[in-house]
């Protein structure tokens, strides 16, 4: 299990990531939404993986790694931080789901 901590002016996210965890950042500004997602080729491995970005209904792959564990998670977090620096409000959907579960 890997732990990442992202600190930024508008975004604070703590992620414990394994290949079974979904990593998805949703960034919003006014009525617009952008989505940054990490996908794994296998349920039991953290690599290979890809980072995709959905903007205006169009999804593109930004990064993919064959054997570097943790790189997709780090790149997704960095890109969410960059979106925040541009004025977007980003949240990590996995962290939000965990917070809701803990509140029950």
Protein backbone atom coordinates (compact mmCIF):
# COMPACT_ATOMS: atom_id res chain seq x y z
CA UNK A 1 0.00 0.00 0.00
CA UNK A 2 1.25 3.45 -0.89
CA UNK A 3 0.36 6.74 0.77
CA UNK A 4 0.38 10.10 -1.00
CA UNK A 5 -0.28 13.48 0.51
CA UNK A 6 -1.02 16.42 -1.74
CA UNK A 7 -0.87 19.87 -0.22
CA UNK A 8 -2.02 22.90 -2.12
CA UNK A 9 -3.75 26.19 -1.74
CA UNK A 10 -7.16 24.77 -2.63
CA UNK A 11 -6.67 21.03 -2.43
CA UNK A 12 -5.74 18.74 0.42
CA UNK A 13 -6.07 15.06 -0.34
CA UNK A 14 -4.74 12.02 1.41
CA UNK A 15 -4.91 8.85 -0.64
CA UNK A 16 -4.12 5.29 0.33
CA UNK A 17 -4.01 3.58 -3.02
CA UNK A 18 -4.01 -0.01 -4.07
CA UNK A 19 -4.99 -1.36 -7.44
CA UNK A 20 -8.47 -2.07 -6.11
CA UNK A 21 -9.04 1.55 -5.05
CA UNK A 22 -10.67 3.87 -7.55
CA UNK A 23 -8.84 7.16 -7.84
CA UNK A 24 -10.98 9.85 -9.37
CA UNK A 25 -10.77 13.61 -9.00
CA UNK A 26 -13.75 15.71 -9.98
CA UNK A 27 -12.95 19.37 -10.61
CA UNK A 28 -15.73 21.95 -10.92
CA UNK A 29 -15.96 25.61 -11.85
CA UNK A 30 -19.35 27.27 -12.37
CA UNK A 31 -21.32 24.72 -14.45
CA UNK A 32 -18.26 23.00 -15.94
CA UNK A 33 -16.78 19.72 -14.75
CA UNK A 34 -13.47 17.98 -15.42
CA UNK A 35 -12.61 14.43 -14.33
CA UNK A 36 -9.16 12.93 -13.73
CA UNK A 37 -9.13 9.14 -13.27
CA UNK A 38 -6.55 6.43 -12.68
CA UNK A 39 -7.27 3.04 -14.26
CA UNK A 40 -5.35 -0.19 -13.74
CA UNK A 41 -4.91 -3.00 -16.25
CA UNK A 42 -5.21 -5.62 -13.50
CA UNK A 43 -7.16 -5.71 -10.25
CA UNK A 44 -4.19 -7.01 -8.28
CA UNK A 45 -1.41 -4.74 -9.59
CA UNK A 46 -0.75 -1.00 -9.47
CA UNK A 47 0.95 -1.07 -12.86
CA UNK A 48 0.38 -0.92 -15.75
CA UNK A 49 -1.91 2.03 -15.27
CA UNK A 50 -3.24 5.07 -17.11
CA UNK A 51 -4.38 8.56 -16.13
CA UNK A 52 -7.30 9.86 -18.17
CA UNK A 53 -8.80 13.34 -18.33
CA UNK A 54 -12.38 14.10 -19.35
CA UNK A 55 -13.17 17.64 -20.48
CA UNK A 56 -16.34 18.69 -22.30
CA UNK A 57 -17.34 15.04 -22.73
CA UNK A 58 -14.07 14.08 -24.43
CA UNK A 59 -11.70 11.68 -22.64
CA UNK A 60 -8.01 11.47 -23.41
CA UNK A 61 -5.15 9.52 -21.86
CA UNK A 62 -2.60 11.87 -20.32
CA UNK A 63 -0.10 9.35 -18.93
CA UNK A 64 0.44 5.60 -18.90
CA UNK A 65 3.07 3.58 -17.09
CA UNK A 66 3.97 -0.06 -17.60
CA UNK A 67 5.89 -0.83 -14.42
CA UNK A 68 6.31 2.27 -12.25
CA UNK A 69 4.03 1.74 -9.25
CA UNK A 70 2.63 4.92 -7.75
CA UNK A 71 3.37 7.07 -10.78
CA UNK A 72 -0.22 7.25 -12.05
CA UNK A 73 -1.49 8.20 -8.60
CA UNK A 74 1.18 10.91 -8.27
CA UNK A 75 0.49 12.32 -11.76
CA UNK A 76 -3.28 12.41 -11.16
CA UNK A 77 -2.77 14.22 -7.83
CA UNK A 78 -0.36 16.70 -9.43
CA UNK A 79 -2.79 17.42 -12.25
CA UNK A 80 -5.68 17.92 -9.80
CA UNK A 81 -3.45 20.38 -7.93
CA UNK A 82 -2.75 22.22 -11.20
CA UNK A 83 -6.49 22.41 -11.92
CA UNK A 84 -6.98 23.89 -8.42
CA UNK A 85 -4.32 26.51 -9.11
CA UNK A 86 -6.37 27.54 -12.16
CA UNK A 87 -9.42 28.16 -9.96
CA UNK A 88 -11.17 24.80 -10.20
CA UNK A 89 -12.54 23.18 -7.04
CA UNK A 90 -11.31 19.59 -7.05
CA UNK A 91 -12.31 16.72 -4.80
CA UNK A 92 -11.11 13.15 -4.63
CA UNK A 93 -14.18 10.97 -5.03
CA UNK A 94 -12.56 8.07 -3.12
CA UNK A 95 -11.86 10.37 -0.16
CA UNK A 96 -15.40 11.74 -0.32
CA UNK A 97 -16.86 8.22 -0.33
CA UNK A 98 -14.68 7.22 2.63
CA UNK A 99 -15.70 10.34 4.56
CA UNK A 100 -19.39 9.56 3.94
CA UNK A 101 -18.86 5.96 5.06
CA UNK A 102 -17.10 7.13 8.24
CA UNK A 103 -19.97 9.52 9.00
CA UNK A 104 -22.51 6.65 9.07
